PDB file of N, CA and C in Angstrom:
ATOM      1  N   MET A   1     101.575  56.285 124.253  1.00  0.00           N
ATOM      2  CA  MET A   1     102.986  56.418 123.995  1.00  0.00           C
ATOM      3  C   MET A   1     103.269  57.890 123.728  1.00  0.00           C
ATOM      4  N   THR A   2     104.225  58.447 124.422  1.00  0.00           N
ATOM      5  CA  THR A   2     104.661  59.820 124.227  1.00  0.00           C
ATOM      6  C   THR A   2     105.974  59.799 123.463  1.00  0.00           C
ATOM      7  N   SER A   3     106.088  60.680 122.478  1.00  0.00           N
ATOM      8  CA  SER A   3     107.292  60.722 121.661  1.00  0.00           C
ATOM      9  C   SER A   3     107.832  62.133 121.575  1.00  0.00           C
ATOM     10  N   ALA A   4     109.144  62.255 121.465  1.00  0.00           N
ATOM     11  CA  ALA A   4     109.797  63.534 121.186  1.00  0.00           C
ATOM     12  C   ALA A   4     110.463  63.399 119.830  1.00  0.00           C
ATOM     13  N   VAL A   5     110.261  64.411 118.981  1.00  0.00           N
ATOM     14  CA  VAL A   5     110.872  64.398 117.661  1.00  0.00           C
ATOM     15  C   VAL A   5     111.643  65.696 117.438  1.00  0.00           C
ATOM     16  N   THR A   6     112.595  65.660 116.538  1.00  0.00           N
ATOM     17  CA  THR A   6     113.329  66.869 116.186  1.00  0.00           C
ATOM     18  C   THR A   6     112.635  67.545 115.013  1.00  0.00           C
ATOM     19  N   ALA A   7     112.577  68.861 115.025  1.00  0.00           N
ATOM     20  CA  ALA A   7     111.916  69.614 113.964  1.00  0.00           C
ATOM     21  C   ALA A   7     112.683  69.522 112.648  1.00  0.00           C
ATOM     22  N   LYS A   8     114.011  69.518 112.729  1.00  0.00           N
ATOM     23  CA  LYS A   8     114.834  69.485 111.508  1.00  0.00           C
ATOM     24  C   LYS A   8     114.683  68.180 110.736  1.00  0.00           C
ATOM     25  N   THR A   9     114.817  67.069 111.429  1.00  0.00           N
ATOM     26  CA  THR A   9     114.832  65.780 110.746  1.00  0.00           C
ATOM     27  C   THR A   9     113.542  64.999 110.912  1.00  0.00           C
ATOM     28  N   THR A  10     112.666  65.434 111.783  1.00  0.00           N
ATOM     29  CA  THR A  10     111.439  64.728 112.186  1.00  0.00           C
ATOM     30  C   THR A  10     111.740  63.321 112.703  1.00  0.00           C
ATOM     31  N   GLY A  11     112.982  63.100 113.110  1.00  0.00           N
ATOM     32  CA  GLY A  11     113.372  61.807 113.667  1.00  0.00           C
ATOM     33  C   GLY A  11     112.961  61.704 115.130  1.00  0.00           C
ATOM     34  N   ILE A  12     112.603  60.510 115.554  1.00  0.00           N
ATOM     35  CA  ILE A  12     112.199  60.282 116.946  1.00  0.00           C
ATOM     36  C   ILE A  12     113.427  60.315 117.842  1.00  0.00           C
ATOM     37  N   VAL A  13     113.362  61.147 118.876  1.00  0.00           N
ATOM     38  CA  VAL A  13     114.448  61.259 119.852  1.00  0.00           C
ATOM     39  C   VAL A  13     114.240  60.243 120.960  1.00  0.00           C
ATOM     40  N   TRP A  14     112.996  60.130 121.443  1.00  0.00           N
ATOM     41  CA  TRP A  14     112.659  59.122 122.443  1.00  0.00           C
ATOM     42  C   TRP A  14     111.174  58.819 122.394  1.00  0.00           C
ATOM     43  N   GLN A  15     110.791  57.649 122.898  1.00  0.00           N
ATOM     44  CA  GLN A  15     109.398  57.238 123.049  1.00  0.00           C
ATOM     45  C   GLN A  15     109.265  56.560 124.399  1.00  0.00           C
ATOM     46  N   GLU A  16     108.285  56.984 125.174  1.00  0.00           N
ATOM     47  CA  GLU A  16     108.057  56.398 126.496  1.00  0.00           C
ATOM     48  C   GLU A  16     106.567  56.385 126.800  1.00  0.00           C
ATOM     49  N   ARG A  17     106.181  55.542 127.727  1.00  0.00           N
ATOM     50  CA  ARG A  17     104.804  55.527 128.226  1.00  0.00           C
ATOM     51  C   ARG A  17     104.750  56.379 129.493  1.00  0.00           C
ATOM     52  N   VAL A  18     103.786  57.298 129.521  1.00  0.00           N
ATOM     53  CA  VAL A  18     103.596  58.135 130.703  1.00  0.00           C
ATOM     54  C   VAL A  18     102.819  57.363 131.755  1.00  0.00           C
ATOM     55  N   GLY A  19     101.920  56.485 131.334  1.00  0.00           N
ATOM     56  CA  GLY A  19     101.101  55.699 132.249  1.00  0.00           C
ATOM     57  C   GLY A  19      99.775  56.385 132.497  1.00  0.00           C
ATOM     58  N   GLY A  20      98.708  55.623 132.536  1.00  0.00           N
ATOM     59  CA  GLY A  20      97.383  56.172 132.780  1.00  0.00           C
ATOM     60  C   GLY A  20      96.542  56.188 131.521  1.00  0.00           C
ATOM     61  N   SER A  21      95.293  56.575 131.704  1.00  0.00           N
ATOM     62  CA  SER A  21      94.339  56.692 130.613  1.00  0.00           C
ATOM     63  C   SER A  21      94.004  58.176 130.457  1.00  0.00           C
ATOM     64  N   PHE A  22      94.073  58.694 129.236  1.00  0.00           N
ATOM     65  CA  PHE A  22      93.957  60.131 129.013  1.00  0.00           C
ATOM     66  C   PHE A  22      92.839  60.478 128.046  1.00  0.00           C
ATOM     67  N   SER A  23      92.039  61.488 128.407  1.00  0.00           N
ATOM     68  CA  SER A  23      91.103  62.097 127.454  1.00  0.00           C
ATOM     69  C   SER A  23      91.475  63.569 127.281  1.00  0.00           C
ATOM     70  N   ALA A  24      92.227  64.120 128.220  1.00  0.00           N
ATOM     71  CA  ALA A  24      92.687  65.512 128.154  1.00  0.00           C
ATOM     72  C   ALA A  24      93.958  65.597 127.313  1.00  0.00           C
ATOM     73  N   SER A  25      94.119  66.711 126.637  1.00  0.00           N
ATOM     74  CA  SER A  25      95.327  66.948 125.844  1.00  0.00           C
ATOM     75  C   SER A  25      96.453  67.438 126.743  1.00  0.00           C
ATOM     76  N   PRO A  26      97.694  67.074 126.438  1.00  0.00           N
ATOM     77  CA  PRO A  26      98.820  67.616 127.211  1.00  0.00           C
ATOM     78  C   PRO A  26      99.014  69.092 126.892  1.00  0.00           C
ATOM     79  N   VAL A  27      99.591  69.826 127.840  1.00  0.00           N
ATOM     80  CA  VAL A  27      99.921  71.241 127.628  1.00  0.00           C
ATOM     81  C   VAL A  27     101.380  71.450 128.008  1.00  0.00           C
ATOM     82  N   SER A  28     101.962  72.517 127.468  1.00  0.00           N
ATOM     83  CA  SER A  28     103.386  72.781 127.703  1.00  0.00           C
ATOM     84  C   SER A  28     103.606  74.231 128.077  1.00  0.00           C
ATOM     85  N   ALA A  29     104.531  74.442 129.026  1.00  0.00           N
ATOM     86  CA  ALA A  29     104.937  75.790 129.422  1.00  0.00           C
ATOM     87  C   ALA A  29     106.261  75.712 130.158  1.00  0.00           C
ATOM     88  N   GLU A  30     107.096  76.707 129.933  1.00  0.00           N
ATOM     89  CA  GLU A  30     108.359  76.874 130.663  1.00  0.00           C
ATOM     90  C   GLU A  30     109.205  75.604 130.724  1.00  0.00           C
ATOM     91  N   GLY A  31     109.305  74.900 129.584  1.00  0.00           N
ATOM     92  CA  GLY A  31     110.162  73.726 129.495  1.00  0.00           C
ATOM     93  C   GLY A  31     109.599  72.473 130.136  1.00  0.00           C
ATOM     94  N   ARG A  32     108.293  72.479 130.407  1.00  0.00           N
ATOM     95  CA  ARG A  32     107.646  71.306 131.009  1.00  0.00           C
ATOM     96  C   ARG A  32     106.418  70.932 130.188  1.00  0.00           C
ATOM     97  N   ILE A  33     106.071  69.647 130.212  1.00  0.00           N
ATOM     98  CA  ILE A  33     104.853  69.168 129.569  1.00  0.00           C
ATOM     99  C   ILE A  33     104.013  68.507 130.649  1.00  0.00           C
ATOM    100  N   TYR A  34     102.729  68.882 130.696  1.00  0.00           N
ATOM    101  CA  TYR A  34     101.815  68.406 131.732  1.00  0.00           C
ATOM    102  C   TYR A  34     100.793  67.456 131.110  1.00  0.00           C
ATOM    103  N   PHE A  35     100.697  66.243 131.663  1.00  0.00           N
ATOM    104  CA  PHE A  35      99.732  65.233 131.247  1.00  0.00           C
ATOM    105  C   PHE A  35      98.802  64.971 132.422  1.00  0.00           C
ATOM    106  N   VAL A  36      97.490  65.130 132.219  1.00  0.00           N
ATOM    107  CA  VAL A  36      96.535  64.874 133.300  1.00  0.00           C
ATOM    108  C   VAL A  36      95.705  63.656 132.919  1.00  0.00           C
ATOM    109  N   ALA A  37      95.854  62.586 133.684  1.00  0.00           N
ATOM    110  CA  ALA A  37      95.132  61.337 133.434  1.00  0.00           C
ATOM    111  C   ALA A  37      93.684  61.460 133.905  1.00  0.00           C
ATOM    112  N   GLY A  38      92.843  60.580 133.404  1.00  0.00           N
ATOM    113  CA  GLY A  38      91.443  60.557 133.808  1.00  0.00           C
ATOM    114  C   GLY A  38      91.257  60.349 135.301  1.00  0.00           C
ATOM    115  N   SER A  39      92.212  59.697 135.939  1.00  0.00           N
ATOM    116  CA  SER A  39      92.158  59.462 137.388  1.00  0.00           C
ATOM    117  C   SER A  39      92.486  60.713 138.191  1.00  0.00           C
ATOM    118  N   GLY A  40      93.017  61.750 137.500  1.00  0.00           N
ATOM    119  CA  GLY A  40      93.390  62.985 138.189  1.00  0.00           C
ATOM    120  C   GLY A  40      94.871  63.093 138.485  1.00  0.00           C
ATOM    121  N   GLU A  41      95.653  62.082 138.139  1.00  0.00           N
ATOM    122  CA  GLU A  41      97.092  62.177 138.374  1.00  0.00           C
ATOM    123  C   GLU A  41      97.747  63.007 137.275  1.00  0.00           C
ATOM    124  N   THR A  42      98.486  64.030 137.674  1.00  0.00           N
ATOM    125  CA  THR A  42      99.210  64.877 136.740  1.00  0.00           C
ATOM    126  C   THR A  42     100.664  64.433 136.698  1.00  0.00           C
ATOM    127  N   THR A  43     101.152  64.135 135.506  1.00  0.00           N
ATOM    128  CA  THR A  43     102.552  63.785 135.304  1.00  0.00           C
ATOM    129  C   THR A  43     103.217  64.942 134.586  1.00  0.00           C
ATOM    130  N   VAL A  44     104.323  65.406 135.137  1.00  0.00           N
ATOM    131  CA  VAL A  44     105.073  66.517 134.555  1.00  0.00           C
ATOM    132  C   VAL A  44     106.395  65.969 134.039  1.00  0.00           C
ATOM    133  N   ILE A  45     106.657  66.194 132.749  1.00  0.00           N
ATOM    134  CA  ILE A  45     107.936  65.755 132.191  1.00  0.00           C
ATOM    135  C   ILE A  45     108.701  66.965 131.669  1.00  0.00           C
ATOM    136  N   GLU A  46     109.997  66.799 131.585  1.00  0.00           N
ATOM    137  CA  GLU A  46     110.854  67.841 131.029  1.00  0.00           C
ATOM    138  C   GLU A  46     110.758  67.799 129.508  1.00  0.00           C
ATOM    139  N   ALA A  47     110.582  68.961 128.897  1.00  0.00           N
ATOM    140  CA  ALA A  47     110.581  69.041 127.434  1.00  0.00           C
ATOM    141  C   ALA A  47     112.034  69.123 126.988  1.00  0.00           C
ATOM    142  N   GLY A  48     112.607  67.976 126.669  1.00  0.00           N
ATOM    143  CA  GLY A  48     114.018  67.952 126.331  1.00  0.00           C
ATOM    144  C   GLY A  48     114.411  66.722 125.557  1.00  0.00           C
ATOM    145  N   PRO A  49     115.697  66.571 125.301  1.00  0.00           N
ATOM    146  CA  PRO A  49     116.187  65.466 124.480  1.00  0.00           C
ATOM    147  C   PRO A  49     116.165  64.106 125.176  1.00  0.00           C
ATOM    148  N   GLU A  50     115.914  64.084 126.486  1.00  0.00           N
ATOM    149  CA  GLU A  50     115.813  62.825 127.228  1.00  0.00           C
ATOM    150  C   GLU A  50     114.499  62.806 127.988  1.00  0.00           C
ATOM    151  N   PHE A  51     113.902  61.614 128.114  1.00  0.00           N
ATOM    152  CA  PHE A  51     112.663  61.477 128.880  1.00  0.00           C
ATOM    153  C   PHE A  51     112.988  61.591 130.358  1.00  0.00           C
ATOM    154  N   LYS A  52     112.390  62.574 131.022  1.00  0.00           N
ATOM    155  CA  LYS A  52     112.637  62.783 132.442  1.00  0.00           C
ATOM    156  C   LYS A  52     111.341  63.213 133.120  1.00  0.00           C
ATOM    157  N   VAL A  53     110.836  62.355 134.026  1.00  0.00           N
ATOM    158  CA  VAL A  53     109.648  62.695 134.802  1.00  0.00           C
ATOM    159  C   VAL A  53     110.087  63.601 135.946  1.00  0.00           C
ATOM    160  N   LEU A  54     109.490  64.782 136.024  1.00  0.00           N
ATOM    161  CA  LEU A  54     109.828  65.740 137.072  1.00  0.00           C
ATOM    162  C   LEU A  54     108.936  65.585 138.295  1.00  0.00           C
ATOM    163  N   ALA A  55     107.668  65.187 138.078  1.00  0.00           N
ATOM    164  CA  ALA A  55     106.736  65.045 139.205  1.00  0.00           C
ATOM    165  C   ALA A  55     105.523  64.236 138.784  1.00  0.00           C
ATOM    166  N   LYS A  56     104.894  63.618 139.783  1.00  0.00           N
ATOM    167  CA  LYS A  56     103.596  62.966 139.626  1.00  0.00           C
ATOM    168  C   LYS A  56     102.761  63.430 140.809  1.00  0.00           C
ATOM    169  N   ASN A  57     101.605  64.050 140.519  1.00  0.00           N
ATOM    170  CA  ASN A  57     100.770  64.630 141.566  1.00  0.00           C
ATOM    171  C   ASN A  57      99.328  64.171 141.420  1.00  0.00           C
ATOM    172  N   PRO A  58      98.797  63.459 142.421  1.00  0.00           N
ATOM    173  CA  PRO A  58      97.405  63.013 142.353  1.00  0.00           C
ATOM    174  C   PRO A  58      96.447  64.110 142.826  1.00  0.00           C
ATOM    175  N   LEU A  59      95.307  64.234 142.145  1.00  0.00           N
ATOM    176  CA  LEU A  59      94.261  65.165 142.580  1.00  0.00           C
ATOM    177  C   LEU A  59      93.096  64.419 143.219  1.00  0.00           C
ATOM    178  N   ASP A  60      93.099  63.094 143.132  1.00  0.00           N
ATOM    179  CA  ASP A  60      92.082  62.236 143.744  1.00  0.00           C
ATOM    180  C   ASP A  60      90.660  62.537 143.271  1.00  0.00           C
ATOM    181  N   GLU A  61      90.519  63.042 142.048  1.00  0.00           N
ATOM    182  CA  GLU A  61      89.221  63.253 141.418  1.00  0.00           C
ATOM    183  C   GLU A  61      89.370  62.997 139.926  1.00  0.00           C
ATOM    184  N   LYS A  62      88.284  62.612 139.291  1.00  0.00           N
ATOM    185  CA  LYS A  62      88.321  62.363 137.852  1.00  0.00           C
ATOM    186  C   LYS A  62      88.516  63.667 137.081  1.00  0.00           C
ATOM    187  N   VAL A  63      89.256  63.559 135.971  1.00  0.00           N
ATOM    188  CA  VAL A  63      89.527  64.709 135.105  1.00  0.00           C
ATOM    189  C   VAL A  63      89.307  64.290 133.649  1.00  0.00           C
ATOM    190  N   GLN A  64      88.525  65.090 132.913  1.00  0.00           N
ATOM    191  CA  GLN A  64      88.343  64.847 131.487  1.00  0.00           C
ATOM    192  C   GLN A  64      88.717  66.066 130.661  1.00  0.00           C
ATOM    193  N   ALA A  65      88.834  67.223 131.298  1.00  0.00           N
ATOM    194  CA  ALA A  65      89.146  68.466 130.585  1.00  0.00           C
ATOM    195  C   ALA A  65      90.653  68.669 130.485  1.00  0.00           C
ATOM    196  N   SER A  66      91.075  69.275 129.393  1.00  0.00           N
ATOM    197  CA  SER A  66      92.484  69.621 129.231  1.00  0.00           C
ATOM    198  C   SER A  66      92.841  70.771 130.163  1.00  0.00           C
ATOM    199  N   PRO A  67      94.039  70.763 130.748  1.00  0.00           N
ATOM    200  CA  PRO A  67      94.450  71.876 131.593  1.00  0.00           C
ATOM    201  C   PRO A  67      94.638  73.140 130.755  1.00  0.00           C
ATOM    202  N   ALA A  68      94.595  74.275 131.440  1.00  0.00           N
ATOM    203  CA  ALA A  68      94.832  75.562 130.782  1.00  0.00           C
ATOM    204  C   ALA A  68      95.958  76.272 131.515  1.00  0.00           C
ATOM    205  N   ILE A  69      96.713  77.075 130.787  1.00  0.00           N
ATOM    206  CA  ILE A  69      97.830  77.823 131.368  1.00  0.00           C
ATOM    207  C   ILE A  69      97.629  79.300 131.067  1.00  0.00           C
ATOM    208  N   SER A  70      97.766  80.126 132.115  1.00  0.00           N
ATOM    209  CA  SER A  70      97.650  81.570 131.942  1.00  0.00           C
ATOM    210  C   SER A  70      98.456  82.277 133.018  1.00  0.00           C
ATOM    211  N   ARG A  71      99.299  83.225 132.598  1.00  0.00           N
ATOM    212  CA  ARG A  71     100.068  84.070 133.507  1.00  0.00           C
ATOM    213  C   ARG A  71     100.833  83.269 134.561  1.00  0.00           C
ATOM    214  N   GLY A  72     101.447  82.188 134.124  1.00  0.00           N
ATOM    215  CA  GLY A  72     102.259  81.382 135.022  1.00  0.00           C
ATOM    216  C   GLY A  72     101.480  80.472 135.951  1.00  0.00           C
ATOM    217  N   GLN A  73     100.189  80.321 135.709  1.00  0.00           N
ATOM    218  CA  GLN A  73      99.350  79.459 136.540  1.00  0.00           C
ATOM    219  C   GLN A  73      98.769  78.333 135.692  1.00  0.00           C
ATOM    220  N   LEU A  74      98.643  77.160 136.313  1.00  0.00           N
ATOM    221  CA  LEU A  74      98.068  75.994 135.656  1.00  0.00           C
ATOM    222  C   LEU A  74      96.687  75.764 136.251  1.00  0.00           C
ATOM    223  N   PHE A  75      95.669  75.671 135.393  1.00  0.00           N
ATOM    224  CA  PHE A  75      94.302  75.446 135.838  1.00  0.00           C
ATOM    225  C   PHE A  75      93.874  74.047 135.420  1.00  0.00           C
ATOM    226  N   ILE A  76      93.352  73.279 136.393  1.00  0.00           N
ATOM    227  CA  ILE A  76      92.877  71.926 136.123  1.00  0.00           C
ATOM    228  C   ILE A  76      91.470  71.799 136.687  1.00  0.00           C
ATOM    229  N   ARG A  77      90.517  71.463 135.799  1.00  0.00           N
ATOM    230  CA  ARG A  77      89.129  71.268 136.236  1.00  0.00           C
ATOM    231  C   ARG A  77      88.899  69.782 136.450  1.00  0.00           C
ATOM    232  N   THR A  78      88.521  69.438 137.672  1.00  0.00           N
ATOM    233  CA  THR A  78      88.222  68.052 138.002  1.00  0.00           C
ATOM    234  C   THR A  78      86.705  67.871 138.021  1.00  0.00           C
ATOM    235  N   GLU A  79      86.282  66.718 138.476  1.00  0.00           N
ATOM    236  CA  GLU A  79      84.866  66.408 138.563  1.00  0.00           C
ATOM    237  C   GLU A  79      84.117  67.394 139.466  1.00  0.00           C
ATOM    238  N   LYS A  80      84.782  67.881 140.530  1.00  0.00           N
ATOM    239  CA  LYS A  80      84.105  68.728 141.524  1.00  0.00           C
ATOM    240  C   LYS A  80      84.782  70.072 141.783  1.00  0.00           C
ATOM    241  N   HIS A  81      86.002  70.270 141.332  1.00  0.00           N
ATOM    242  CA  HIS A  81      86.750  71.466 141.671  1.00  0.00           C
ATOM    243  C   HIS A  81      87.499  72.050 140.476  1.00  0.00           C
ATOM    244  N   LEU A  82      87.913  73.305 140.635  1.00  0.00           N
ATOM    245  CA  LEU A  82      88.817  73.938 139.692  1.00  0.00           C
ATOM    246  C   LEU A  82      90.082  74.289 140.482  1.00  0.00           C
ATOM    247  N   PHE A  83      91.195  73.652 140.138  1.00  0.00           N
ATOM    248  CA  PHE A  83      92.445  73.884 140.825  1.00  0.00           C
ATOM    249  C   PHE A  83      93.257  74.928 140.057  1.00  0.00           C
ATOM    250  N   CYS A  84      93.884  75.834 140.783  1.00  0.00           N
ATOM    251  CA  CYS A  84      94.807  76.818 140.214  1.00  0.00           C
ATOM    252  C   CYS A  84      96.136  76.591 140.902  1.00  0.00           C
ATOM    253  N   ILE A  85      97.156  76.254 140.122  1.00  0.00           N
ATOM    254  CA  ILE A  85      98.471  75.933 140.664  1.00  0.00           C
ATOM    255  C   ILE A  85      99.468  76.946 140.125  1.00  0.00           C
ATOM    256  N   GLY A  86     100.174  77.633 141.029  1.00  0.00           N
ATOM    257  CA  GLY A  86     101.162  78.629 140.621  1.00  0.00           C
ATOM    258  C   GLY A  86     101.125  79.836 141.525  1.00  0.00           C
ATOM    259  N   GLY A  87     101.993  80.790 141.236  1.00  0.00           N
ATOM    260  CA  GLY A  87     102.077  82.002 142.033  1.00  0.00           C
ATOM    261  C   GLY A  87     100.947  82.971 141.747  1.00  0.00           C
ATOM    262  N   LYS A  88     100.859  83.999 142.564  1.00  0.00           N
ATOM    263  CA  LYS A  88      99.821  85.021 142.389  1.00  0.00           C
ATOM    264  C   LYS A  88     100.109  85.894 141.194  1.00  0.00           C
TER     265      LYS A  88
END
């Protein structure tokens, strides 16, 4: 279950299920939150007052490591590869 809370009141704004089984921690950058499931599917949601899925992208490989973000690039290590997503 994923939840959004307000810092002022600590009240829950929304709660939703992203779907999948996760061992990796979610990461956030530029108004987006990235969830990488063990199956390799990455779910991107908007960091905002409403639950909004922006994308779902399969990598077709198992993932157990948390993604990393650096210089506008997202790095995801799968069972066999290291993916770098973003501009140069």
